[in-house]
Amino acid sequence: ANIDIKQQIRSFKSHNVIGKLEGNDPKLKDEYVIYTAHWDHLGRHPELQGDQIFNGAIDNASGVASVIQLPAIASARSRANLVVCLVHWGIENSANVTDKQRELARWLVNRGVDLVVGSHPHCVQPLDFYHGCPIAYSLGDLVFDGAPSVASWNRGALLEIGLNENAQTSASRLVPLILEDGFPRIDAAMESNTSETSKAFAVGK
């Protein structure tokens, strides 16, 4: 089989601006905070010696995805009293929080997120707090019957959040669940045993 491919390379100028979110503070409206990240450049050229790779985010990731999310967080922050971020992360079937999870969660809080809730590991991970903001690294499974023989996959948690009159989180806890035939019910025995609940849902260090 013969395949003919025609392509054309065009050059154009760009200011690489993802977006601009104007503030409404009368004193600060003319000041700017700029978030930048290198998107991509071609690292290949006949005259280059040694460095013959395609550098940049679209090849080898350099944090640009996080920067792209910043306008979304800032926009939500300007329109809402409470900003919740749902994250798909962590190691499957592991109750241990990774350094990357902890780093990203704190990055989100530092940029205006009030509550971080994670998923993916299929088992419960600790409830943590950073600058007073709850971080539920993983709530485990809620409705799931994909691995009935894996005990940790048959447990989950509900995240209970208390809010004050300013929509700030005032209290947070994990309510333990147990899955039976794929459907959840509150694990009353564990919930009534404060020490066992604390042990199972210990605050991350």
Protein backbone atom coordinates (compact mmCIF):
# COMPACT_ATOMS: atom_id res chain seq x y z
CA ALA A 1 0.00 0.00 0.00
CA ASN A 2 1.16 3.50 -0.77
CA ILE A 3 0.32 6.44 1.47
CA ASP A 4 0.80 10.00 0.31
CA ILE A 5 0.89 12.62 3.05
CA LYS A 6 0.91 16.32 2.30
CA GLN A 7 1.66 18.81 5.01
CA GLN A 8 2.38 22.49 5.23
CA ILE A 9 4.27 24.37 7.95
CA ARG A 10 3.19 27.95 8.53
CA SER A 11 4.71 30.52 10.85
CA PHE A 12 2.62 32.96 12.83
CA LYS A 13 3.07 35.21 15.84
CA SER A 14 1.31 34.63 19.13
CA HIS A 15 1.38 36.33 22.50
CA ASN A 16 0.69 33.00 24.25
CA VAL A 17 -2.07 34.46 26.41
CA ILE A 18 -4.51 31.88 27.76
CA GLY A 19 -6.86 34.40 29.28
CA LYS A 20 -7.24 37.56 31.30
CA LEU A 21 -9.44 37.91 34.36
CA GLU A 22 -9.98 41.50 35.44
CA GLY A 23 -10.43 42.36 39.09
CA ASN A 24 -12.89 44.84 40.57
CA ASP A 25 -10.86 46.19 43.48
CA PRO A 26 -10.53 49.97 42.96
CA LYS A 27 -6.99 50.02 44.36
CA LEU A 28 -5.66 46.86 42.74
CA LYS A 29 -7.50 46.80 39.42
CA ASP A 30 -4.48 48.13 37.52
CA GLU A 31 -2.07 45.60 39.04
CA TYR A 32 -1.48 42.21 37.45
CA VAL A 33 -0.54 38.71 38.53
CA ILE A 34 0.90 36.74 35.63
CA TYR A 35 1.05 32.94 35.54
CA THR A 36 3.24 31.60 32.78
CA ALA A 37 4.48 28.27 31.50
CA HIS A 38 6.42 27.25 28.42
CA TRP A 39 4.08 25.55 25.98
CA ASP A 40 6.31 24.16 23.25
CA HIS A 41 9.14 24.82 20.89
CA LEU A 42 10.84 22.75 18.25
CA GLY A 43 14.21 21.60 19.50
CA ARG A 44 15.26 20.10 16.17
CA HIS A 45 17.33 21.88 13.59
CA PRO A 46 19.94 20.67 11.09
CA GLU A 47 22.58 22.85 12.74
CA LEU A 48 21.86 21.71 16.29
CA GLN A 49 24.35 19.27 17.73
CA GLY A 50 23.32 16.84 20.45
CA ASP A 51 19.92 18.29 21.37
CA GLN A 52 17.65 16.69 18.79
CA ILE A 53 14.46 16.28 20.81
CA PHE A 54 11.12 18.00 20.77
CA ASN A 55 11.07 20.00 23.98
CA GLY A 56 7.94 21.40 25.55
CA ALA A 57 4.75 20.55 27.32
CA ILE A 58 3.00 18.69 24.53
CA ASP A 59 5.83 16.15 24.44
CA ASN A 60 7.18 15.75 27.93
CA ALA A 61 4.87 17.77 30.22
CA SER A 62 6.12 20.83 32.05
CA GLY A 63 3.23 21.86 34.28
CA VAL A 64 1.27 23.71 31.64
CA ALA A 65 -1.92 21.78 32.41
CA SER A 66 -1.92 23.23 35.93
CA VAL A 67 -1.49 26.74 34.60
CA ILE A 68 -4.40 26.26 32.21
CA GLN A 69 -6.60 25.45 35.22
CA LEU A 70 -5.65 28.64 37.07
CA PRO A 71 -8.14 30.87 35.21
CA ALA A 72 -10.91 28.37 36.02
CA ILE A 73 -10.05 28.50 39.73
CA ALA A 74 -9.78 32.29 39.69
CA SER A 75 -13.09 32.59 37.84
CA ALA A 76 -14.83 30.28 40.31
CA ARG A 77 -13.27 32.17 43.22
CA SER A 78 -14.71 35.46 41.92
CA ARG A 79 -18.24 34.05 41.56
CA ALA A 80 -18.62 31.63 44.47
CA ASN A 81 -18.32 31.63 48.24
CA LEU A 82 -17.04 28.05 48.28
CA VAL A 83 -14.77 26.51 45.64
CA VAL A 84 -14.63 22.69 45.51
CA CYS A 85 -12.12 20.85 43.32
CA LEU A 86 -12.60 17.16 42.42
CA VAL A 87 -9.35 15.41 41.52
CA HIS A 88 -8.66 12.01 39.93
CA TRP A 89 -5.31 10.89 41.35
CA GLY A 90 -3.43 8.50 43.62
CA ILE A 91 -2.35 4.88 43.41
CA GLU A 92 -5.05 2.28 42.85
CA ASN A 93 -5.78 0.06 45.86
CA SER A 94 -3.46 2.06 48.12
CA ALA A 95 -4.53 3.86 51.29
CA ASN A 96 -1.28 5.83 51.31
CA VAL A 97 -1.22 9.42 50.12
CA THR A 98 1.58 10.14 47.67
CA ASP A 99 3.81 13.19 47.80
CA LYS A 100 2.39 14.27 44.44
CA GLN A 101 -1.16 14.20 45.80
CA ARG A 102 -0.17 16.25 48.83
CA GLU A 103 1.77 18.72 46.69
CA LEU A 104 -1.11 19.22 44.24
CA ALA A 105 -3.71 19.54 47.01
CA ARG A 106 -1.73 22.29 48.71
CA TRP A 107 -1.10 23.96 45.37
CA LEU A 108 -4.87 24.10 44.80
CA VAL A 109 -5.57 25.50 48.28
CA ASN A 110 -2.87 28.13 47.86
CA ARG A 111 -4.62 29.32 44.71
CA GLY A 112 -8.11 29.66 46.10
CA VAL A 113 -9.71 26.22 46.40
CA ASP A 114 -11.61 25.71 49.68
CA LEU A 115 -12.19 21.96 49.53
CA VAL A 116 -10.34 19.20 47.67
CA VAL A 117 -11.96 15.79 47.13
CA GLY A 118 -10.10 12.98 45.42
CA SER A 119 -11.03 9.73 43.72
CA HIS A 120 -9.44 6.80 41.84
CA PRO A 121 -7.64 4.62 44.47
CA HIS A 122 -10.84 2.59 45.15
CA CYS A 123 -10.09 2.69 48.87
CA VAL A 124 -10.37 5.33 51.56
CA GLN A 125 -7.42 7.63 52.10
CA PRO A 126 -6.97 10.06 55.00
CA LEU A 127 -8.78 13.32 55.61
CA ASP A 128 -6.23 16.09 55.90
CA PHE A 129 -6.32 19.85 56.46
CA TYR A 130 -4.16 22.59 55.01
CA HIS A 131 -4.62 26.21 56.06
CA GLY A 132 -7.93 25.08 57.52
CA CYS A 133 -9.18 23.66 54.21
CA PRO A 134 -10.29 19.99 54.18
CA ILE A 135 -8.55 17.61 51.79
CA ALA A 136 -10.25 14.23 51.35
CA TYR A 137 -7.61 12.37 49.36
CA SER A 138 -9.96 9.50 48.46
CA LEU A 139 -13.48 8.55 49.52
CA GLY A 140 -13.08 4.98 48.29
CA ASP A 141 -16.03 3.39 46.51
CA LEU A 142 -19.69 4.34 46.79
CA VAL A 143 -21.54 2.08 44.36
CA PHE A 144 -19.17 -0.55 42.97
CA ASP A 145 -19.11 -4.33 42.58
CA GLY A 146 -16.10 -4.69 40.29
CA ALA A 147 -13.92 -6.51 42.83
CA PRO A 148 -16.02 -8.17 45.55
CA SER A 149 -13.04 -10.21 46.75
CA VAL A 150 -10.91 -7.12 47.47
CA ALA A 151 -11.90 -6.05 50.98
CA SER A 152 -10.62 -2.48 50.71
CA TRP A 153 -12.70 -1.92 47.58
CA ASN A 154 -15.85 -2.73 49.53
CA ARG A 155 -15.40 0.23 51.82
CA GLY A 156 -15.98 3.91 51.29
CA ALA A 157 -16.75 7.12 53.08
CA LEU A 158 -19.07 10.08 52.92
CA LEU A 159 -17.51 13.48 53.45
CA GLU A 160 -19.60 15.56 55.84
CA ILE A 161 -18.84 19.27 55.74
CA GLY A 162 -20.16 21.96 58.06
CA LEU A 163 -20.37 25.53 56.78
CA ASN A 164 -20.70 28.75 58.74
CA GLU A 165 -22.70 31.80 57.69
CA ASN A 166 -19.83 32.90 55.42
CA ALA A 167 -19.75 29.56 53.59
CA GLN A 168 -16.46 28.69 55.26
CA THR A 169 -15.86 25.12 56.37
CA SER A 170 -16.31 24.88 60.13
CA ALA A 171 -16.22 21.11 60.66
CA SER A 172 -15.40 18.08 58.53
CA ARG A 173 -15.46 14.34 59.03
CA LEU A 174 -15.57 11.09 57.12
CA VAL A 175 -18.58 8.84 57.66
CA PRO A 176 -17.55 5.19 57.11
CA LEU A 177 -19.44 3.09 54.56
CA ILE A 178 -19.48 -0.60 53.78
CA LEU A 179 -20.58 -1.97 50.41
CA GLU A 180 -22.85 -4.99 50.24
CA ASP A 181 -23.58 -6.39 46.78
CA GLY A 182 -22.15 -3.20 45.36
CA PHE A 183 -24.38 -0.82 47.31
CA PRO A 184 -23.38 1.31 50.29
CA ARG A 185 -24.67 1.53 53.82
CA ILE A 186 -23.28 3.43 56.78
CA ASP A 187 -21.00 1.27 58.89
CA ALA A 188 -22.68 2.01 62.20
CA ALA A 189 -20.29 -0.19 64.16
CA MET A 190 -17.22 1.68 62.98
CA GLU A 191 -18.92 5.07 63.22
CA SER A 192 -19.88 4.46 66.84
CA ASN A 193 -16.33 3.38 67.68
CA THR A 194 -14.46 6.67 67.65
CA SER A 195 -11.05 5.08 68.05
CA GLU A 196 -11.60 2.66 65.16
CA THR A 197 -12.90 5.43 62.92
CA SER A 198 -9.92 7.60 63.76
CA LYS A 199 -7.56 4.71 63.07
CA ALA A 200 -9.14 3.92 59.71
CA PHE A 201 -9.47 7.53 58.59
CA ALA A 202 -6.44 9.00 60.30
CA VAL A 203 -5.48 12.51 59.37
CA GLY A 204 -2.60 12.49 56.92
CA LYS A 205 0.79 13.61 58.10
